[in-house]
């Protein structure tokens, strides 16, 4: 059953990725993210989980991993900063449904002489399980790093190393203080690193949650890539949409200001507004027919009374005044024509303002309709059933952070 589920999610992700039509520019722009995702997709297919060790310098990350391997694979020294780059080693555990377990050793995040600190963080962040190694009470920097991982929906285990430095009472006090500093809505395990204690705990955890964590992290990485692609596309479309709205604003301003005939003015404005909505629908990838365009225009006008009054009411009133001015001009020797220019300028300003409002509202509505055709990876997570409250809480935090940061409105014109 587990085999079927992980294969099913792999195929869903693979099919989703194959439907994303990227331009050459996007392939180049997101090259690093695409490589990371494809590597993750491959690990999901091959059922290869990755466990990353992370922490500040000198806490004993390498020695903890060596104790799991029961071999001195990762280099250790009494001098802090022995590990200067990411190193990996396969960990063979018996009676596991996963095909492979990879352990990652990383430099201390506070070590000055790291060549690519962002790459180190990214490699650990792409792990399916993070062993956050500490050697005492948590400091501010460690809490900040833990918080960043949690916001990304990562499953963390705190490993208290070098416990021989403390007596029994001190150890108990440190653990209580750590618990007080950690988020109350998450049950982050604090495991003391002693003989077999850590190995047995992680082996049991991987056996119970390994496939779920591997699947979840694969979908989350896909979701992050999807959001970046969508954001970049929206930014480019935003500029094009703003240019289009500006062009139609100028056209309408000229038509309204120079035209003294009410019916022609209203009809002309409606035609331009309809054409604007059609152009915006092309920009945002939604092919609208004439009836759909008129429906959007009608909905926007009804739901925004101010816009409707501005579009029709005020312009009709000003056109009546302009018509009266033209009719009375022969009887006043042209003196009554003096206000005509000012009224035309006001009408032009109103036309520009109303067109910009209409354009922004139309772009938002068109985008909402068009995005319904996209299958977002996050939906795959929402459709998965998690009986364990611990995993469920991590997912909720990820979605809360995702929705907070994913402010799509700011990328609309």
Protein backbone atom coordinates (compact mmCIF):
# COMPACT_ATOMS: atom_id res chain seq x y z
CA UNK A 1 0.00 0.00 0.00
CA UNK A 2 2.83 2.43 0.91
CA UNK A 3 4.62 1.54 -2.33
CA UNK A 4 1.48 2.36 -4.30
CA UNK A 5 1.00 5.74 -2.57
CA UNK A 6 4.57 6.96 -3.09
CA UNK A 7 4.50 5.83 -6.73
CA UNK A 8 1.16 7.55 -7.24
CA UNK A 9 2.46 10.85 -5.85
CA UNK A 10 5.59 10.56 -7.97
CA UNK A 11 3.48 10.13 -11.13
CA UNK A 12 1.24 13.06 -10.15
CA UNK A 13 4.27 15.31 -9.66
CA UNK A 14 5.93 14.08 -12.85
CA UNK A 15 2.76 14.68 -14.88
CA UNK A 16 2.36 18.14 -13.31
CA UNK A 17 5.92 19.08 -14.23
CA UNK A 18 5.47 17.89 -17.81
CA UNK A 19 2.46 20.22 -18.22
CA UNK A 20 4.50 23.32 -17.24
CA UNK A 21 5.42 25.01 -20.52
CA UNK A 22 8.54 27.06 -19.75
CA UNK A 23 10.11 29.63 -22.05
CA UNK A 24 13.85 29.52 -22.72
CA UNK A 25 14.20 32.60 -20.53
CA UNK A 26 12.41 30.85 -17.64
CA UNK A 27 14.51 27.71 -18.05
CA UNK A 28 17.65 29.83 -17.75
CA UNK A 29 16.29 32.07 -14.96
CA UNK A 30 15.15 29.14 -12.79
CA UNK A 31 17.94 26.76 -13.78
CA UNK A 32 19.14 26.16 -10.21
CA UNK A 33 15.62 25.57 -8.85
CA UNK A 34 14.74 23.26 -11.76
CA UNK A 35 17.85 21.14 -11.17
CA UNK A 36 17.01 20.87 -7.45
CA UNK A 37 13.43 19.84 -8.20
CA UNK A 38 14.45 17.22 -10.78
CA UNK A 39 16.94 15.77 -8.29
CA UNK A 40 14.18 15.64 -5.69
CA UNK A 41 11.79 14.02 -8.14
CA UNK A 42 14.40 11.38 -8.90
CA UNK A 43 14.90 10.69 -5.18
CA UNK A 44 11.14 10.32 -4.75
CA UNK A 45 11.03 7.82 -7.60
CA UNK A 46 13.99 5.87 -6.19
CA UNK A 47 12.72 6.22 -2.59
CA UNK A 48 15.91 7.87 -1.36
CA UNK A 49 15.42 9.95 1.78
CA UNK A 50 17.90 12.65 2.77
CA UNK A 51 18.71 13.57 6.38
CA UNK A 52 20.70 16.75 6.99
CA UNK A 53 22.72 17.63 10.11
CA UNK A 54 22.75 21.36 10.89
CA UNK A 55 23.93 23.60 13.72
CA UNK A 56 26.54 26.12 14.75
CA UNK A 57 30.27 25.35 14.73
CA UNK A 58 31.65 23.06 17.41
CA UNK A 59 28.41 21.32 18.44
CA UNK A 60 29.58 17.96 17.05
CA UNK A 61 27.52 17.46 13.88
CA UNK A 62 30.13 15.18 12.30
CA UNK A 63 30.53 13.08 15.44
CA UNK A 64 26.74 12.61 15.72
CA UNK A 65 26.57 11.33 12.14
CA UNK A 66 29.58 9.08 12.73
CA UNK A 67 27.80 7.57 15.75
CA UNK A 68 24.79 6.76 13.51
CA UNK A 69 27.05 5.20 10.88
CA UNK A 70 29.16 3.49 13.56
CA UNK A 71 32.16 4.53 11.46
CA UNK A 72 34.47 7.56 11.44
CA UNK A 73 33.42 8.74 7.97
CA UNK A 74 32.97 12.45 8.59
CA UNK A 75 36.13 14.27 9.67
CA UNK A 76 36.20 15.57 13.26
CA UNK A 77 38.75 17.72 15.11
CA UNK A 78 39.12 19.69 18.32
CA UNK A 79 39.29 22.84 16.16
CA UNK A 80 35.92 24.36 15.16
CA UNK A 81 35.21 24.55 11.44
CA UNK A 82 36.68 21.22 10.34
CA UNK A 83 33.73 20.75 7.93
CA UNK A 84 33.89 23.45 5.25
CA UNK A 85 31.42 22.09 2.70
CA UNK A 86 28.45 19.75 2.39
CA UNK A 87 29.44 16.08 2.56
CA UNK A 88 27.20 13.06 2.05
CA UNK A 89 27.28 9.40 3.04
CA UNK A 90 24.79 6.55 2.65
CA UNK A 91 23.42 5.09 5.88
CA UNK A 92 22.30 1.49 5.65
CA UNK A 93 19.51 0.55 8.02
CA UNK A 94 17.84 -2.83 8.15
CA UNK A 95 14.09 -3.40 7.85
CA UNK A 96 13.34 -0.13 6.04
CA UNK A 97 10.83 0.31 3.21
CA UNK A 98 13.00 3.07 1.71
CA UNK A 99 15.72 2.07 -0.73
CA UNK A 100 18.35 4.50 0.52
CA UNK A 101 19.09 6.90 3.40
CA UNK A 102 21.59 9.69 2.76
CA UNK A 103 23.22 11.61 5.62
CA UNK A 104 24.44 15.16 4.97
CA UNK A 105 27.10 16.85 7.08
CA UNK A 106 27.29 20.66 6.89
CA UNK A 107 29.58 23.48 8.08
CA UNK A 108 28.48 25.47 11.13
CA UNK A 109 26.05 28.18 10.05
CA UNK A 110 27.98 30.72 12.15
CA UNK A 111 31.37 29.82 10.65
CA UNK A 112 32.89 32.80 8.80
CA UNK A 113 34.95 30.91 6.19
CA UNK A 114 32.08 29.26 4.28
CA UNK A 115 32.39 29.77 0.53
CA UNK A 116 28.67 29.45 -0.31
CA UNK A 117 26.52 29.82 2.85
CA UNK A 118 23.27 30.05 0.84
CA UNK A 119 24.09 26.79 -0.90
CA UNK A 120 24.72 25.09 2.45
CA UNK A 121 21.37 26.27 3.86
CA UNK A 122 19.58 25.30 0.64
CA UNK A 123 21.06 21.77 0.66
CA UNK A 124 19.94 21.20 4.25
CA UNK A 125 16.56 22.82 3.57
CA UNK A 126 16.01 20.34 0.73
CA UNK A 127 16.53 17.48 3.18
CA UNK A 128 13.50 15.48 4.21
CA UNK A 129 14.47 15.45 7.88
CA UNK A 130 16.75 17.89 9.72
CA UNK A 131 18.86 16.91 12.71
CA UNK A 132 19.49 20.24 14.44
CA UNK A 133 22.50 19.62 16.67
CA UNK A 134 22.98 21.68 19.84
CA UNK A 135 25.41 21.41 22.75
CA UNK A 136 23.53 23.38 25.38
CA UNK A 137 20.76 25.95 25.70
CA UNK A 138 19.44 27.56 22.50
CA UNK A 139 20.78 31.01 21.61
CA UNK A 140 19.08 33.65 19.46
CA UNK A 141 20.84 32.62 16.22
CA UNK A 142 19.90 28.98 16.65
CA UNK A 143 16.25 29.91 17.30
CA UNK A 144 16.26 32.04 14.15
CA UNK A 145 17.55 29.14 12.04
CA UNK A 146 15.01 26.75 13.56
CA UNK A 147 12.21 29.23 12.86
CA UNK A 148 13.26 29.50 9.20
CA UNK A 149 13.12 25.74 8.74
CA UNK A 150 9.73 25.51 10.45
CA UNK A 151 8.25 28.19 8.16
CA UNK A 152 9.40 26.07 5.22
CA UNK A 153 7.46 23.12 6.63
CA UNK A 154 10.55 21.11 7.59
CA UNK A 155 10.46 18.30 10.13
CA UNK A 156 13.14 18.95 12.79
CA UNK A 157 14.67 16.87 15.56
CA UNK A 158 16.79 18.65 18.17
CA UNK A 159 19.77 16.56 19.24
CA UNK A 160 21.44 17.55 22.49
CA UNK A 161 25.10 16.59 22.12
CA UNK A 162 28.10 16.77 24.48
CA UNK A 163 25.92 15.95 27.50
CA UNK A 164 29.00 14.90 29.54
CA UNK A 165 29.57 18.63 30.14
CA UNK A 166 26.49 18.75 32.42
CA UNK A 167 25.26 16.91 35.50
CA UNK A 168 21.79 15.41 35.70
CA UNK A 169 20.08 18.50 37.19
CA UNK A 170 21.76 20.88 34.74
CA UNK A 171 20.70 18.70 31.82
CA UNK A 172 17.10 18.70 33.02
CA UNK A 173 17.13 22.48 33.42
CA UNK A 174 18.57 22.98 29.94
CA UNK A 175 15.92 20.76 28.33
CA UNK A 176 13.10 22.60 30.15
CA UNK A 177 14.52 25.94 29.02
CA UNK A 178 14.78 24.75 25.41
CA UNK A 179 11.15 23.56 25.45
CA UNK A 180 10.07 26.96 26.75
CA UNK A 181 11.76 28.70 23.78
CA UNK A 182 10.38 26.39 21.08
CA UNK A 183 6.97 26.94 19.39
CA UNK A 184 4.18 25.66 21.62
CA UNK A 185 2.07 24.34 18.73
CA UNK A 186 4.82 21.94 17.60
CA UNK A 187 6.08 18.94 19.46
CA UNK A 188 9.73 19.20 18.40
CA UNK A 189 11.57 16.17 19.83
CA UNK A 190 14.66 16.83 21.97
CA UNK A 191 16.82 13.72 21.88
CA UNK A 192 19.88 13.22 24.08
CA UNK A 193 22.75 11.76 22.09
CA UNK A 194 23.91 8.69 23.94
CA UNK A 195 24.68 5.12 22.91
CA UNK A 196 21.97 3.64 20.62
CA UNK A 197 19.35 6.09 21.94
CA UNK A 198 19.54 8.39 18.91
CA UNK A 199 19.98 5.62 16.33
CA UNK A 200 16.95 3.69 17.56
CA UNK A 201 14.79 6.83 17.64
CA UNK A 202 15.66 7.92 14.08
CA UNK A 203 15.32 4.35 12.71
CA UNK A 204 11.82 4.12 14.19
CA UNK A 205 10.90 7.60 12.89
CA UNK A 206 12.05 6.84 9.34
CA UNK A 207 10.21 3.54 9.35
CA UNK A 208 6.99 5.27 10.43
CA UNK A 209 7.20 8.58 8.56
CA UNK A 210 10.02 8.20 6.01
CA UNK A 211 7.84 7.86 2.91
CA UNK A 212 5.44 10.60 4.06
CA UNK A 213 8.32 13.03 4.69
CA UNK A 214 9.93 12.21 1.35
CA UNK A 215 6.63 12.74 -0.48
CA UNK A 216 5.74 15.91 1.42
CA UNK A 217 9.10 17.55 0.84
CA UNK A 218 8.98 16.69 -2.87
CA UNK A 219 5.56 18.32 -3.25
CA UNK A 220 6.61 21.35 -1.18
CA UNK A 221 9.68 21.87 -3.37
CA UNK A 222 7.45 21.65 -6.44
CA UNK A 223 5.08 24.15 -4.86
CA UNK A 224 7.89 26.63 -4.14
CA UNK A 225 9.13 26.35 -7.73
CA UNK A 226 5.57 26.83 -9.00
CA UNK A 227 5.12 29.98 -6.90
CA UNK A 228 8.41 31.43 -8.18
CA UNK A 229 7.44 30.77 -11.81
CA UNK A 230 3.98 32.26 -11.25
CA UNK A 231 5.42 35.33 -9.50
CA UNK A 232 7.93 35.94 -12.28
CA UNK A 233 5.25 35.57 -14.96
CA UNK A 234 2.92 37.91 -13.09
CA UNK A 235 5.65 40.55 -12.83
CA UNK A 236 6.22 40.45 -16.57
CA UNK A 237 2.48 40.49 -17.27
CA UNK A 238 2.04 43.34 -14.81
CA UNK A 239 4.25 45.62 -16.93
CA UNK A 240 2.43 44.62 -20.14
CA UNK A 241 -0.99 45.06 -18.49
CA UNK A 242 -0.05 48.50 -17.13
CA UNK A 243 1.12 49.56 -20.60
CA UNK A 244 -2.13 48.29 -22.16
CA UNK A 245 -4.31 50.06 -19.56
CA UNK A 246 -2.33 53.27 -20.15
CA UNK A 247 -2.86 53.01 -23.91
CA UNK A 248 -6.62 52.54 -23.56
CA UNK A 249 -6.82 55.36 -20.97
CA UNK A 250 -5.28 57.76 -23.49
CA UNK A 251 -7.59 56.61 -26.28
CA UNK A 252 -10.69 57.01 -24.15
CA UNK A 253 -9.57 60.37 -22.78
CA UNK A 254 -9.15 61.71 -26.32
CA UNK A 255 -12.47 60.29 -27.53
CA UNK A 256 -14.50 61.55 -24.55
CA UNK A 257 -12.94 65.00 -24.40
CA UNK A 258 -13.37 65.77 -28.10
CA UNK A 259 -16.80 64.21 -28.64
CA UNK A 260 -19.88 66.32 -27.84
CA UNK A 261 -22.46 63.61 -28.63
CA UNK A 262 -23.75 61.71 -25.59
CA UNK A 263 -24.88 58.43 -27.17
CA UNK A 264 -21.77 58.09 -29.30
CA UNK A 265 -19.64 58.87 -26.25
CA UNK A 266 -21.25 56.19 -24.07
CA UNK A 267 -21.13 53.60 -26.86
CA UNK A 268 -17.52 54.46 -27.67
CA UNK A 269 -16.46 54.19 -24.03
CA UNK A 270 -18.20 50.82 -23.71
CA UNK A 271 -16.49 49.54 -26.86
CA UNK A 272 -13.07 50.65 -25.59
CA UNK A 273 -13.68 49.07 -22.17
CA UNK A 274 -14.71 45.80 -23.82
CA UNK A 275 -11.61 45.88 -26.02
CA UNK A 276 -9.44 46.55 -22.94
CA UNK A 277 -10.86 43.53 -21.12
CA UNK A 278 -10.19 41.37 -24.20
CA UNK A 279 -6.58 42.56 -24.35
CA UNK A 280 -6.08 41.88 -20.64
CA UNK A 281 -7.56 38.39 -21.03
CA UNK A 282 -4.94 37.63 -23.69
CA UNK A 283 -2.15 38.88 -21.40
CA UNK A 284 -3.32 36.64 -18.54
CA UNK A 285 -3.90 33.59 -20.74
CA UNK A 286 -7.71 33.49 -20.66
CA UNK A 287 -9.44 33.39 -24.05
CA UNK A 288 -12.70 35.31 -23.57
CA UNK A 289 -15.60 35.39 -26.03
CA UNK A 290 -17.67 38.53 -26.54
CA UNK A 291 -20.41 37.48 -24.11
CA UNK A 292 -17.89 36.64 -21.36
CA UNK A 293 -16.18 40.00 -21.82
CA UNK A 294 -19.47 41.88 -21.49
CA UNK A 295 -20.37 39.83 -18.42
CA UNK A 296 -17.10 40.77 -16.68
CA UNK A 297 -17.66 44.42 -17.56
CA UNK A 298 -21.24 44.29 -16.26
CA UNK A 299 -20.20 42.56 -13.00
CA UNK A 300 -17.47 45.12 -12.36
CA UNK A 301 -19.84 48.04 -13.02
CA UNK A 302 -22.60 46.62 -10.79
CA UNK A 303 -20.25 45.74 -7.93
CA UNK A 304 -18.52 49.12 -8.12
CA UNK A 305 -21.26 51.76 -8.10
CA UNK A 306 -18.69 54.57 -7.99
CA UNK A 307 -17.10 53.33 -11.21
CA UNK A 308 -20.50 53.07 -12.91
CA UNK A 309 -21.44 56.63 -11.92
CA UNK A 310 -18.05 57.90 -13.06
CA UNK A 311 -18.26 56.08 -16.38
CA UNK A 312 -21.83 57.05 -17.31
CA UNK A 313 -23.36 59.57 -14.91
CA UNK A 314 -20.67 62.25 -14.75
CA UNK A 315 -19.72 62.00 -18.41
CA UNK A 316 -23.38 62.27 -19.46
CA UNK A 317 -23.79 65.38 -17.31
CA UNK A 318 -20.65 66.99 -18.72
CA UNK A 319 -21.71 66.16 -22.28
CA UNK A 320 -25.07 67.87 -21.70
CA UNK A 321 -23.20 70.97 -20.55
CA UNK A 322 -20.89 70.79 -23.58
CA UNK A 323 -23.90 70.47 -25.90
CA UNK A 324 -25.59 73.48 -24.31
CA UNK A 325 -22.37 75.47 -24.70
CA UNK A 326 -22.23 74.64 -28.41
CA UNK A 327 -25.91 75.49 -28.90
CA UNK A 328 -25.64 78.86 -27.14
CA UNK A 329 -22.34 79.86 -28.78
CA UNK A 330 -23.98 81.73 -31.75
CA UNK A 331 -26.08 83.82 -29.35
CA UNK A 332 -23.16 84.81 -27.09
CA UNK A 333 -20.67 85.62 -29.85
CA UNK A 334 -18.59 82.57 -28.74
CA UNK A 335 -18.10 83.72 -25.14
CA UNK A 336 -19.96 80.66 -23.83
CA UNK A 337 -17.29 78.43 -25.43
CA UNK A 338 -14.69 79.49 -22.85
CA UNK A 339 -15.57 76.74 -20.28
CA UNK A 340 -15.61 74.07 -23.03
CA UNK A 341 -11.86 73.41 -22.81
CA UNK A 342 -11.89 73.05 -19.01
CA UNK A 343 -14.81 70.61 -19.13
CA UNK A 344 -13.05 68.57 -21.82
CA UNK A 345 -9.92 68.36 -19.64
CA UNK A 346 -12.00 67.23 -16.63
CA UNK A 347 -13.69 64.58 -18.78
CA UNK A 348 -10.32 63.37 -20.02
CA UNK A 349 -9.06 63.07 -16.41
CA UNK A 350 -12.22 61.16 -15.42
CA UNK A 351 -11.80 58.84 -18.41
CA UNK A 352 -8.19 58.07 -17.47
CA UNK A 353 -9.08 57.47 -13.81
CA UNK A 354 -12.10 55.23 -14.55
CA UNK A 355 -10.19 53.22 -17.18
CA UNK A 356 -7.35 52.55 -14.77
CA UNK A 357 -9.78 51.38 -12.07
CA UNK A 358 -11.63 49.19 -14.59
CA UNK A 359 -8.33 47.76 -15.87
CA UNK A 360 -7.12 46.83 -12.38
CA UNK A 361 -10.44 45.22 -11.41
CA UNK A 362 -10.69 43.38 -14.74
CA UNK A 363 -7.10 42.09 -14.47
CA UNK A 364 -7.83 40.72 -11.00
CA UNK A 365 -11.05 39.01 -12.09
CA UNK A 366 -9.47 37.59 -15.25
CA UNK A 367 -6.51 36.27 -13.25
CA UNK A 368 -8.81 34.57 -10.71
CA UNK A 369 -10.68 32.88 -13.56
CA UNK A 370 -7.56 31.90 -15.50
CA UNK A 371 -5.67 30.39 -12.56
CA UNK A 372 -8.51 27.91 -12.04
CA UNK A 373 -7.10 25.98 -15.01
CA UNK A 374 -3.75 25.48 -13.25
CA UNK A 375 -3.11 22.51 -10.98
CA UNK A 376 -1.03 23.76 -8.09
CA UNK A 377 1.22 21.24 -6.31
CA UNK A 378 -0.16 22.45 -2.96
CA UNK A 379 -3.49 20.83 -3.88
CA UNK A 380 -1.72 17.45 -3.81
CA UNK A 381 -0.78 18.11 -0.18
CA UNK A 382 -4.31 19.19 0.71
CA UNK A 383 -5.68 15.96 -0.79
CA UNK A 384 -3.37 13.78 1.31
CA UNK A 385 -4.66 12.32 4.59
CA UNK A 386 -2.49 12.66 7.68
CA UNK A 387 -3.67 10.96 10.83
CA UNK A 388 -0.66 12.08 12.84
CA UNK A 389 -1.19 15.55 14.40
CA UNK A 390 2.55 16.24 14.42
CA UNK A 391 2.86 16.04 10.61
CA UNK A 392 -0.43 17.90 10.23
CA UNK A 393 0.85 20.82 12.33
CA UNK A 394 3.99 21.16 10.21
CA UNK A 395 1.83 21.30 7.06
CA UNK A 396 -0.45 23.96 8.57
CA UNK A 397 2.54 26.15 9.42
CA UNK A 398 3.88 25.76 5.87
CA UNK A 399 0.54 26.82 4.37
CA UNK A 400 0.19 29.76 6.76
CA UNK A 401 3.65 31.00 5.79
CA UNK A 402 2.99 30.28 2.11
CA UNK A 403 -0.26 32.23 2.00
CA UNK A 404 1.28 35.13 3.93
CA UNK A 405 4.23 35.47 1.55
CA UNK A 406 2.29 34.70 -1.63
CA UNK A 407 0.70 38.15 -2.07
CA UNK A 408 -0.49 37.80 -5.66
CA UNK A 409 -2.45 41.10 -5.58
CA UNK A 410 0.80 43.09 -5.43
CA UNK A 411 1.76 41.65 -8.84
CA UNK A 412 -1.43 42.78 -10.55
CA UNK A 413 -1.61 46.20 -12.29
